[in-house]
C-alpha atoms as a PDB file:
ATOM      1  CA  MET A   1      -1.886 -47.297  -3.949  1.00  0.00           C
ATOM      2  CA  GLU A   2      -0.900 -45.041  -1.050  1.00  0.00           C
ATOM      3  CA  ILE A   3      -2.400 -41.584  -0.413  1.00  0.00           C
ATOM      4  CA  ILE A   4      -0.295 -39.176   1.644  1.00  0.00           C
ATOM      5  CA  ILE A   5      -2.269 -36.209   3.001  1.00  0.00           C
ATOM      6  CA  GLY A   6      -0.359 -33.233   4.357  1.00  0.00           C
ATOM      7  CA  LYS A   7      -0.853 -32.720   8.090  1.00  0.00           C
ATOM      8  CA  THR A   8      -0.918 -28.955   7.512  1.00  0.00           C
ATOM      9  CA  ALA A   9      -3.456 -29.145   4.654  1.00  0.00           C
ATOM     10  CA  GLY A  10      -6.568 -26.997   4.897  1.00  0.00           C
ATOM     11  CA  PHE A  11      -7.706 -24.047   6.976  1.00  0.00           C
ATOM     12  CA  CYS A  12      -5.039 -22.104   8.829  1.00  0.00           C
ATOM     13  CA  TYR A  13      -5.883 -20.365  12.114  1.00  0.00           C
ATOM     14  CA  GLY A  14      -6.615 -16.993  10.497  1.00  0.00           C
ATOM     15  CA  VAL A  15      -8.960 -18.437   7.873  1.00  0.00           C
ATOM     16  CA  GLU A  16     -10.804 -20.648  10.361  1.00  0.00           C
ATOM     17  CA  ARG A  17     -11.218 -17.668  12.694  1.00  0.00           C
ATOM     18  CA  ALA A  18     -12.690 -15.533   9.904  1.00  0.00           C
ATOM     19  CA  VAL A  19     -15.056 -18.185   8.532  1.00  0.00           C
ATOM     20  CA  LYS A  20     -16.312 -19.263  11.963  1.00  0.00           C
ATOM     21  CA  GLY A  21     -16.654 -15.617  12.976  1.00  0.00           C
ATOM     22  CA  ALA A  22     -18.799 -14.851   9.935  1.00  0.00           C
ATOM     23  CA  GLN A  23     -20.945 -17.928  10.561  1.00  0.00           C
ATOM     24  CA  LYS A  24     -21.424 -16.915  14.200  1.00  0.00           C
ATOM     25  CA  GLU A  25     -22.550 -13.426  13.155  1.00  0.00           C
ATOM     26  CA  LEU A  26     -25.178 -15.001  10.902  1.00  0.00           C
ATOM     27  CA  GLU A  27     -26.428 -17.211  13.722  1.00  0.00           C
ATOM     28  CA  ASN A  28     -26.519 -14.560  16.459  1.00  0.00           C
ATOM     29  CA  THR A  29     -28.140 -11.580  14.781  1.00  0.00           C
ATOM     30  CA  ASN A  30     -31.194 -10.675  12.755  1.00  0.00           C
ATOM     31  CA  LYS A  31     -29.298  -7.798  11.153  1.00  0.00           C
ATOM     32  CA  LYS A  32     -28.157  -7.736   7.549  1.00  0.00           C
ATOM     33  CA  ILE A  33     -24.550  -8.988   7.276  1.00  0.00           C
ATOM     34  CA  TYR A  34     -22.147  -7.588   4.692  1.00  0.00           C
ATOM     35  CA  CYS A  35     -18.557  -8.657   4.040  1.00  0.00           C
ATOM     36  CA  LEU A  36     -15.905  -6.358   2.569  1.00  0.00           C
ATOM     37  CA  GLY A  37     -14.305  -8.487  -0.155  1.00  0.00           C
ATOM     38  CA  GLU A  38     -14.193 -12.284  -0.186  1.00  0.00           C
ATOM     39  CA  ILE A  39     -13.898 -13.532   3.392  1.00  0.00           C
ATOM     40  CA  VAL A  40     -11.181 -15.945   2.175  1.00  0.00           C
ATOM     41  CA  HIS A  41      -9.909 -16.985  -1.261  1.00  0.00           C
ATOM     42  CA  ASN A  42     -12.123 -20.012  -1.786  1.00  0.00           C
ATOM     43  CA  LYS A  43     -15.199 -20.037  -4.032  1.00  0.00           C
ATOM     44  CA  GLU A  44     -16.905 -22.885  -2.163  1.00  0.00           C
ATOM     45  CA  VAL A  45     -16.614 -21.108   1.201  1.00  0.00           C
ATOM     46  CA  VAL A  46     -17.863 -17.814  -0.269  1.00  0.00           C
ATOM     47  CA  LYS A  47     -20.747 -19.569  -2.045  1.00  0.00           C
ATOM     48  CA  LYS A  48     -21.968 -21.235   1.164  1.00  0.00           C
ATOM     49  CA  LEU A  49     -21.860 -17.983   3.122  1.00  0.00           C
ATOM     50  CA  LYS A  50     -23.758 -16.223   0.314  1.00  0.00           C
ATOM     51  CA  GLU A  51     -26.436 -18.905   0.477  1.00  0.00           C
ATOM     52  CA  LYS A  52     -26.746 -18.293   4.224  1.00  0.00           C
ATOM     53  CA  GLY A  53     -27.335 -14.587   3.681  1.00  0.00           C
ATOM     54  CA  ILE A  54     -24.024 -12.710   3.676  1.00  0.00           C
ATOM     55  CA  GLU A  55     -23.775 -10.046   0.978  1.00  0.00           C
ATOM     56  CA  PHE A  56     -20.252  -9.553  -0.368  1.00  0.00           C
ATOM     57  CA  ILE A  57     -19.334  -5.978  -1.271  1.00  0.00           C
ATOM     58  CA  GLU A  58     -16.169  -4.196  -2.396  1.00  0.00           C
ATOM     59  CA  LYS A  59     -16.587  -0.757  -0.769  1.00  0.00           C
ATOM     60  CA  PRO A  60     -18.171   0.591   2.452  1.00  0.00           C
ATOM     61  CA  GLU A  61     -20.344   2.843   0.264  1.00  0.00           C
ATOM     62  CA  GLU A  62     -22.236  -0.303  -0.791  1.00  0.00           C
ATOM     63  CA  VAL A  63     -23.630  -0.780   2.731  1.00  0.00           C
ATOM     64  CA  LYS A  64     -27.290   0.163   2.227  1.00  0.00           C
ATOM     65  CA  GLU A  65     -28.937  -0.869   5.481  1.00  0.00           C
ATOM     66  CA  LYS A  66     -28.164   1.219   8.565  1.00  0.00           C
ATOM     67  CA  GLU A  67     -29.050  -1.520  11.036  1.00  0.00           C
ATOM     68  CA  SER A  68     -26.448  -3.945   9.731  1.00  0.00           C
ATOM     69  CA  LYS A  69     -23.015  -5.403  10.453  1.00  0.00           C
ATOM     70  CA  THR A  70     -20.029  -5.491   8.127  1.00  0.00           C
ATOM     71  CA  VAL A  71     -17.486  -8.270   8.416  1.00  0.00           C
ATOM     72  CA  ILE A  72     -13.837  -7.589   7.617  1.00  0.00           C
ATOM     73  CA  ARG A  73     -12.229 -10.407   5.646  1.00  0.00           C
ATOM     74  CA  ALA A  74      -9.186 -12.431   6.772  1.00  0.00           C
ATOM     75  CA  HIS A  75      -6.904 -10.479   4.398  1.00  0.00           C
ATOM     76  CA  GLY A  76      -7.751  -7.178   6.070  1.00  0.00           C
ATOM     77  CA  ILE A  77      -8.537  -3.763   4.603  1.00  0.00           C
ATOM     78  CA  PRO A  78      -6.670  -0.467   4.052  1.00  0.00           C
ATOM     79  CA  LYS A  79      -6.404   2.146   6.784  1.00  0.00           C
ATOM     80  CA  GLU A  80      -8.595   4.508   4.724  1.00  0.00           C
ATOM     81  CA  THR A  81     -11.414   1.939   4.619  1.00  0.00           C
ATOM     82  CA  TYR A  82     -11.455   1.760   8.422  1.00  0.00           C
ATOM     83  CA  GLU A  83     -11.757   5.557   8.450  1.00  0.00           C
ATOM     84  CA  ILE A  84     -14.671   5.533   5.983  1.00  0.00           C
ATOM     85  CA  CYS A  85     -16.493   2.917   8.080  1.00  0.00           C
ATOM     86  CA  LYS A  86     -16.038   5.113  11.141  1.00  0.00           C
ATOM     87  CA  GLU A  87     -17.285   8.232   9.330  1.00  0.00           C
ATOM     88  CA  LYS A  88     -20.368   6.392   8.066  1.00  0.00           C
ATOM     89  CA  ASN A  89     -21.044   4.755  11.472  1.00  0.00           C
ATOM     90  CA  ILE A  90     -20.791   1.301   9.913  1.00  0.00           C
ATOM     91  CA  GLN A  91     -20.687  -1.373  12.599  1.00  0.00           C
ATOM     92  CA  ILE A  92     -17.792  -3.701  11.793  1.00  0.00           C
ATOM     93  CA  GLU A  93     -16.690  -7.095  13.032  1.00  0.00           C
ATOM     94  CA  ASP A  94     -12.983  -7.360  12.261  1.00  0.00           C
ATOM     95  CA  PHE A  95     -11.821 -10.869  11.362  1.00  0.00           C
ATOM     96  CA  THR A  96      -8.529  -9.794   9.809  1.00  0.00           C
ATOM     97  CA  CYS A  97      -5.923 -12.486  10.482  1.00  0.00           C
ATOM     98  CA  PRO A  98      -3.904 -11.503  13.603  1.00  0.00           C
ATOM     99  CA  ASN A  99      -0.690 -12.069  11.613  1.00  0.00           C
ATOM    100  CA  VAL A 100      -1.826  -9.502   9.055  1.00  0.00           C
ATOM    101  CA  LEU A 101      -2.779  -7.009  11.775  1.00  0.00           C
ATOM    102  CA  LYS A 102       0.694  -7.492  13.240  1.00  0.00           C
ATOM    103  CA  ILE A 103       2.237  -6.495   9.888  1.00  0.00           C
ATOM    104  CA  HIS A 104       0.034  -3.380   9.824  1.00  0.00           C
ATOM    105  CA  ASP A 105       1.353  -2.441  13.274  1.00  0.00           C
ATOM    106  CA  ILE A 106       4.977  -3.062  12.224  1.00  0.00           C
ATOM    107  CA  ALA A 107       4.580  -1.009   9.031  1.00  0.00           C
ATOM    108  CA  GLN A 108       2.983   1.878  10.923  1.00  0.00           C
ATOM    109  CA  GLU A 109       5.612   1.780  13.693  1.00  0.00           C
ATOM    110  CA  TYR A 110       8.579   1.862  11.323  1.00  0.00           C
ATOM    111  CA  HIS A 111       6.971   4.451   9.059  1.00  0.00           C
ATOM    112  CA  ASP A 112       6.592   6.688  12.124  1.00  0.00           C
ATOM    113  CA  LYS A 113      10.281   6.090  12.917  1.00  0.00           C
ATOM    114  CA  GLY A 114      11.264   7.408   9.494  1.00  0.00           C
ATOM    115  CA  PHE A 115      12.059   4.101   7.759  1.00  0.00           C
ATOM    116  CA  TYR A 116      11.705   3.488   4.032  1.00  0.00           C
ATOM    117  CA  ILE A 117       9.584   0.328   3.778  1.00  0.00           C
ATOM    118  CA  VAL A 118       9.981  -2.516   1.304  1.00  0.00           C
ATOM    119  CA  LEU A 119       7.072  -4.969   1.123  1.00  0.00           C
ATOM    120  CA  VAL A 120       7.825  -8.312  -0.522  1.00  0.00           C
ATOM    121  CA  GLY A 121       4.658  -9.657  -2.101  1.00  0.00           C
ATOM    122  CA  ALA A 122       2.088  -9.194  -4.875  1.00  0.00           C
ATOM    123  CA  LYS A 123       1.024  -5.535  -5.160  1.00  0.00           C
ATOM    124  CA  ASP A 124      -2.564  -6.406  -6.179  1.00  0.00           C
ATOM    125  CA  HIS A 125      -3.159  -8.971  -3.427  1.00  0.00           C
ATOM    126  CA  PRO A 126      -5.876  -7.846  -0.948  1.00  0.00           C
ATOM    127  CA  GLU A 127      -3.603  -8.397   2.046  1.00  0.00           C
ATOM    128  CA  ASN A 128      -0.904  -6.169   0.577  1.00  0.00           C
ATOM    129  CA  ILE A 129      -3.339  -3.465  -0.505  1.00  0.00           C
ATOM    130  CA  GLY A 130      -4.166  -3.152   3.184  1.00  0.00           C
ATOM    131  CA  THR A 131      -0.532  -3.263   4.326  1.00  0.00           C
ATOM    132  CA  ILE A 132       0.571  -0.639   1.771  1.00  0.00           C
ATOM    133  CA  SER A 133      -1.778   1.892   3.389  1.00  0.00           C
ATOM    134  CA  PHE A 134       0.239   1.647   6.626  1.00  0.00           C
ATOM    135  CA  CYS A 135       3.635   2.052   4.933  1.00  0.00           C
ATOM    136  CA  GLY A 136       3.435   5.692   3.872  1.00  0.00           C
ATOM    137  CA  LYS A 137       4.495   7.073   0.482  1.00  0.00           C
ATOM    138  CA  LYS A 138       8.180   6.190   0.825  1.00  0.00           C
ATOM    139  CA  MET A 139       7.911   2.498   0.029  1.00  0.00           C
ATOM    140  CA  SER A 140       8.541  -0.145  -2.649  1.00  0.00           C
ATOM    141  CA  ILE A 141       7.037  -3.502  -3.518  1.00  0.00           C
ATOM    142  CA  ILE A 142       9.088  -6.483  -4.635  1.00  0.00           C
ATOM    143  CA  GLU A 143       6.962  -9.155  -6.314  1.00  0.00           C
ATOM    144  CA  LYS A 144       9.784 -11.123  -7.928  1.00  0.00           C
ATOM    145  CA  ILE A 145      13.508 -11.510  -7.336  1.00  0.00           C
ATOM    146  CA  GLU A 146      14.145  -9.454 -10.504  1.00  0.00           C
ATOM    147  CA  ASP A 147      12.395  -6.459  -8.896  1.00  0.00           C
ATOM    148  CA  THR A 148      15.048  -6.169  -6.168  1.00  0.00           C
ATOM    149  CA  LYS A 149      17.468  -3.925  -8.075  1.00  0.00           C
ATOM    150  CA  LYS A 150      14.733  -1.390  -8.877  1.00  0.00           C
ATOM    151  CA  ALA A 151      13.642  -1.334  -5.228  1.00  0.00           C
ATOM    152  CA  VAL A 152      17.211  -0.749  -4.009  1.00  0.00           C
ATOM    153  CA  ASN A 153      17.535   2.197  -6.430  1.00  0.00           C
ATOM    154  CA  GLU A 154      14.268   3.628  -5.090  1.00  0.00           C
ATOM    155  CA  ILE A 155      15.546   3.311  -1.505  1.00  0.00           C
ATOM    156  CA  ILE A 156      18.733   5.197  -2.411  1.00  0.00           C
ATOM    157  CA  GLU A 157      16.824   7.900  -4.325  1.00  0.00           C
ATOM    158  CA  SER A 158      14.501   8.457  -1.344  1.00  0.00           C
ATOM    159  CA  LYS A 159      17.466   9.776   0.715  1.00  0.00           C
ATOM    160  CA  LYS A 160      16.153   7.779   3.680  1.00  0.00           C
ATOM    161  CA  GLU A 161      18.838   6.534   6.068  1.00  0.00           C
ATOM    162  CA  LYS A 162      16.846   3.548   7.358  1.00  0.00           C
ATOM    163  CA  CYS A 163      15.009   0.747   5.542  1.00  0.00           C
ATOM    164  CA  LEU A 164      12.626  -1.960   6.738  1.00  0.00           C
ATOM    165  CA  VAL A 165      11.878  -5.126   4.738  1.00  0.00           C
ATOM    166  CA  ILE A 166       8.703  -7.101   5.483  1.00  0.00           C
ATOM    167  CA  ALA A 167       6.737  -9.759   3.582  1.00  0.00           C
ATOM    168  CA  GLN A 168       3.238 -10.867   2.668  1.00  0.00           C
ATOM    169  CA  THR A 169       2.208 -13.579   5.151  1.00  0.00           C
ATOM    170  CA  THR A 170       1.933 -16.194   2.390  1.00  0.00           C
ATOM    171  CA  TYR A 171       5.041 -15.317   0.381  1.00  0.00           C
ATOM    172  CA  HIS A 172       7.438 -18.020  -0.834  1.00  0.00           C
ATOM    173  CA  LEU A 173       9.950 -18.488   2.022  1.00  0.00           C
ATOM    174  CA  GLU A 174      13.021 -19.406  -0.049  1.00  0.00           C
ATOM    175  CA  ARG A 175      12.340 -16.567  -2.476  1.00  0.00           C
ATOM    176  CA  PHE A 176      12.112 -14.112   0.419  1.00  0.00           C
ATOM    177  CA  LYS A 177      15.519 -15.269   1.704  1.00  0.00           C
ATOM    178  CA  ILE A 178      17.074 -14.727  -1.740  1.00  0.00           C
ATOM    179  CA  ILE A 179      15.577 -11.224  -1.949  1.00  0.00           C
ATOM    180  CA  GLU A 180      16.843 -10.445   1.563  1.00  0.00           C
ATOM    181  CA  GLU A 181      20.388 -11.442   0.592  1.00  0.00           C
ATOM    182  CA  LYS A 182      20.248  -9.424  -2.635  1.00  0.00           C
ATOM    183  CA  ILE A 183      19.137  -6.295  -0.750  1.00  0.00           C
ATOM    184  CA  LYS A 184      21.964  -6.769   1.764  1.00  0.00           C
ATOM    185  CA  GLU A 185      24.461  -7.097  -1.094  1.00  0.00           C
ATOM    186  CA  GLU A 186      23.257  -4.084  -3.084  1.00  0.00           C
ATOM    187  CA  LEU A 187      22.226  -1.588  -0.401  1.00  0.00           C
ATOM    188  CA  PRO A 188      24.928   0.947   0.568  1.00  0.00           C
ATOM    189  CA  ASN A 189      26.453   0.499   4.041  1.00  0.00           C
ATOM    190  CA  ASN A 190      25.347   3.974   5.137  1.00  0.00           C
ATOM    191  CA  ILE A 191      21.683   2.879   5.038  1.00  0.00           C
ATOM    192  CA  GLU A 192      20.510   1.012   8.147  1.00  0.00           C
ATOM    193  CA  LEU A 193      18.670  -2.190   7.173  1.00  0.00           C
ATOM    194  CA  LYS A 194      16.073  -3.981   9.290  1.00  0.00           C
ATOM    195  CA  VAL A 195      14.538  -7.224   8.008  1.00  0.00           C
ATOM    196  CA  ILE A 196      11.491  -8.775   9.693  1.00  0.00           C
ATOM    197  CA  ASN A 197      10.316 -12.084   8.273  1.00  0.00           C
ATOM    198  CA  THR A 198       6.535 -11.676   8.517  1.00  0.00           C
ATOM    199  CA  ILE A 199       5.710 -14.865   6.587  1.00  0.00           C
ATOM    200  CA  CYS A 200       3.437 -16.704   9.004  1.00  0.00           C
ATOM    201  CA  MET A 201       4.545 -19.977  10.582  1.00  0.00           C
ATOM    202  CA  ALA A 202       1.606 -21.892   9.080  1.00  0.00           C
ATOM    203  CA  THR A 203       2.771 -20.854   5.603  1.00  0.00           C
ATOM    204  CA  GLU A 204       6.355 -21.919   6.297  1.00  0.00           C
ATOM    205  CA  LEU A 205       5.285 -25.326   7.637  1.00  0.00           C
ATOM    206  CA  ARG A 206       2.879 -25.916   4.748  1.00  0.00           C
ATOM    207  CA  GLN A 207       5.530 -25.051   2.141  1.00  0.00           C
ATOM    208  CA  LYS A 208       8.132 -27.288   3.782  1.00  0.00           C
ATOM    209  CA  GLU A 209       5.697 -30.193   4.057  1.00  0.00           C
ATOM    210  CA  THR A 210       4.651 -29.754   0.417  1.00  0.00           C
ATOM    211  CA  GLU A 211       8.307 -29.932  -0.611  1.00  0.00           C
ATOM    212  CA  LYS A 212       8.843 -33.091   1.445  1.00  0.00           C
ATOM    213  CA  ILE A 213       5.740 -34.947   0.202  1.00  0.00           C
ATOM    214  CA  SER A 214       6.208 -33.938  -3.444  1.00  0.00           C
ATOM    215  CA  LYS A 215       9.663 -35.572  -3.395  1.00  0.00           C
ATOM    216  CA  GLU A 216       8.175 -38.873  -2.180  1.00  0.00           C
ATOM    217  CA  VAL A 217       5.199 -39.338  -4.524  1.00  0.00           C
ATOM    218  CA  ASN A 218       4.456 -40.082  -8.192  1.00  0.00           C
ATOM    219  CA  LYS A 219       1.507 -37.690  -8.310  1.00  0.00           C
ATOM    220  CA  MET A 220       0.920 -34.490  -6.313  1.00  0.00           C
ATOM    221  CA  ILE A 221      -2.492 -32.830  -6.015  1.00  0.00           C
ATOM    222  CA  ILE A 222      -2.762 -29.293  -4.644  1.00  0.00           C
ATOM    223  CA  ILE A 223      -6.304 -28.236  -3.679  1.00  0.00           C
ATOM    224  CA  GLY A 224      -7.241 -24.574  -3.409  1.00  0.00           C
ATOM    225  CA  GLY A 225      -8.705 -21.461  -4.992  1.00  0.00           C
ATOM    226  CA  ARG A 226      -7.173 -20.157  -8.211  1.00  0.00           C
ATOM    227  CA  ASN A 227      -7.049 -16.674  -6.693  1.00  0.00           C
ATOM    228  CA  SER A 228      -5.279 -17.968  -3.572  1.00  0.00           C
ATOM    229  CA  SER A 229      -1.668 -16.781  -3.339  1.00  0.00           C
ATOM    230  CA  ASN A 230      -0.592 -19.466  -0.886  1.00  0.00           C
ATOM    231  CA  THR A 231      -2.157 -22.219  -3.026  1.00  0.00           C
ATOM    232  CA  ARG A 232      -0.241 -21.036  -6.113  1.00  0.00           C
ATOM    233  CA  LYS A 233       3.020 -21.140  -4.172  1.00  0.00           C
ATOM    234  CA  LEU A 234       2.307 -24.690  -2.983  1.00  0.00           C
ATOM    235  CA  TYR A 235       1.755 -25.708  -6.602  1.00  0.00           C
ATOM    236  CA  GLU A 236       5.034 -24.064  -7.661  1.00  0.00           C
ATOM    237  CA  ILE A 237       6.894 -25.998  -4.942  1.00  0.00           C
ATOM    238  CA  ALA A 238       5.174 -29.273  -5.822  1.00  0.00           C
ATOM    239  CA  LYS A 239       5.925 -28.828  -9.527  1.00  0.00           C
ATOM    240  CA  GLN A 240       9.632 -28.369  -8.810  1.00  0.00           C
ATOM    241  CA  ASN A 241       9.802 -31.803  -7.200  1.00  0.00           C
ATOM    242  CA  CYS A 242       7.085 -33.821  -8.914  1.00  0.00           C
ATOM    243  CA  LYS A 243       6.472 -33.661 -12.675  1.00  0.00           C
ATOM    244  CA  GLU A 244       2.968 -35.029 -12.208  1.00  0.00           C
ATOM    245  CA  ALA A 245       1.738 -32.125 -10.044  1.00  0.00           C
ATOM    246  CA  ILE A 246      -1.673 -30.548 -10.616  1.00  0.00           C
ATOM    247  CA  CYS A 247      -3.702 -27.823  -8.929  1.00  0.00           C
ATOM    248  CA  ILE A 248      -7.502 -28.071  -8.607  1.00  0.00           C
ATOM    249  CA  GLU A 249     -10.277 -26.195  -6.807  1.00  0.00           C
ATOM    250  CA  THR A 250     -12.753 -29.071  -6.435  1.00  0.00           C
ATOM    251  CA  LYS A 251     -12.999 -32.820  -7.028  1.00  0.00           C
ATOM    252  CA  GLU A 252     -14.981 -32.153 -10.238  1.00  0.00           C
ATOM    253  CA  GLU A 253     -11.754 -31.032 -11.923  1.00  0.00           C
ATOM    254  CA  LEU A 254     -10.102 -34.420 -11.437  1.00  0.00           C
ATOM    255  CA  LEU A 255      -9.872 -36.684 -14.467  1.00  0.00           C
ATOM    256  CA  LYS A 256      -9.675 -40.472 -14.167  1.00  0.00           C
ATOM    257  CA  GLU A 257      -6.097 -40.431 -15.495  1.00  0.00           C
ATOM    258  CA  ASP A 258      -5.212 -37.958 -12.739  1.00  0.00           C
ATOM    259  CA  VAL A 259      -5.860 -40.473  -9.983  1.00  0.00           C
ATOM    260  CA  THR A 260      -5.295 -43.982 -11.367  1.00  0.00           C
ATOM    261  CA  ASN A 261      -2.177 -46.092 -11.894  1.00  0.00           C
ATOM    262  CA  TYR A 262      -0.051 -44.177  -9.394  1.00  0.00           C
ATOM    263  CA  GLU A 263       1.814 -45.932  -6.622  1.00  0.00           C
ATOM    264  CA  LYS A 264       1.823 -42.888  -4.328  1.00  0.00           C
ATOM    265  CA  ILE A 265      -0.378 -39.799  -4.487  1.00  0.00           C
ATOM    266  CA  GLY A 266       0.331 -36.771  -2.313  1.00  0.00           C
ATOM    267  CA  ILE A 267      -2.315 -34.239  -1.314  1.00  0.00           C
ATOM    268  CA  MET A 268      -1.787 -30.732   0.030  1.00  0.00           C
ATOM    269  CA  ALA A 269      -4.363 -27.962   0.347  1.00  0.00           C
ATOM    270  CA  GLY A 270      -4.154 -24.196   0.627  1.00  0.00           C
ATOM    271  CA  ALA A 271      -4.921 -22.261   3.800  1.00  0.00           C
ATOM    272  CA  SER A 272      -8.429 -21.374   2.572  1.00  0.00           C
ATOM    273  CA  THR A 273      -9.427 -24.892   1.533  1.00  0.00           C
ATOM    274  CA  PRO A 274     -12.146 -26.466   3.727  1.00  0.00           C
ATOM    275  CA  LYS A 275     -11.740 -29.964   5.150  1.00  0.00           C
ATOM    276  CA  GLU A 276     -14.728 -31.176   3.098  1.00  0.00           C
ATOM    277  CA  SER A 277     -12.950 -30.381  -0.190  1.00  0.00           C
ATOM    278  CA  ILE A 278      -9.941 -32.463   0.847  1.00  0.00           C
ATOM    279  CA  GLU A 279     -12.165 -35.362   1.943  1.00  0.00           C
ATOM    280  CA  ASP A 280     -14.096 -35.227  -1.359  1.00  0.00           C
ATOM    281  CA  VAL A 281     -10.869 -35.515  -3.375  1.00  0.00           C
ATOM    282  CA  VAL A 282      -9.589 -38.422  -1.275  1.00  0.00           C
ATOM    283  CA  GLU A 283     -12.916 -40.239  -1.632  1.00  0.00           C
ATOM    284  CA  MET A 284     -12.896 -39.750  -5.408  1.00  0.00           C
ATOM    285  CA  ILE A 285      -9.336 -41.140  -5.670  1.00  0.00           C
ATOM    286  CA  LYS A 286     -10.315 -44.216  -3.663  1.00  0.00           C
ATOM    287  CA  LYS A 287     -13.437 -44.859  -5.763  1.00  0.00           C
ATOM    288  CA  SER A 288     -11.489 -44.460  -9.014  1.00  0.00           C
ATOM    289  CA  ASN A 289      -9.027 -47.131  -7.904  1.00  0.00           C
ATOM    290  CA  LEU A 290     -11.504 -49.781  -6.850  1.00  0.00           C
END
């Protein structure tokens, strides 16, 4: 049996930066450390940081100790939350992914220029909740291809003469391209259209590698958090090319029939999946096939 592990599997730069940053804060201060939201979408990572002393909260109002630090998660926070932290003199350490911060800057810049903004991504995802706050009121969200028509109608009704289209960093690349083409087809010529593909390079590479591996194997295992957007998209891609594709969070979810009697098994992991989780799954596969 052959095991093919994706070269891009595991922590991306933004996630690694956030997790290491949080760990460093724990090591270098005696102050209480809070984190606004889950630092990344992985239960194992969050659990370990909790055990080391980080308290995870949802709102700045939950910061109880004055002499404390509050870590900003990799997904970022809304503009209003930054303002509340400033008003309450909450000391923050911002570990928002630089790619997400770049989207915030783009959204703010084009909002100030009078553009209607279309954000392609899941409206309830933490990253997008932050981005929406920089877009202004004249904006639409496209989660699925079917939402495109409604968004185009909203652009027209807004009477704006310029429109910007951006995307969640972990959005499905091929789906974004389809949505882009549909907007170009349906938007009137008198409305200026600007499209900026803000899907991060790590996401693109991971999706392309998942597609490639899933076409070569008999079994495909995607490892990552159930609440991880990029992990779900990897599973969708894998499932399109390999009927025997599964998605798990930890090795404990693997059944013996999941890992035996397969000539080739492919493994890919989401951007928030630690190296140890990948190694645990590989070790379990090897033991099951002895």
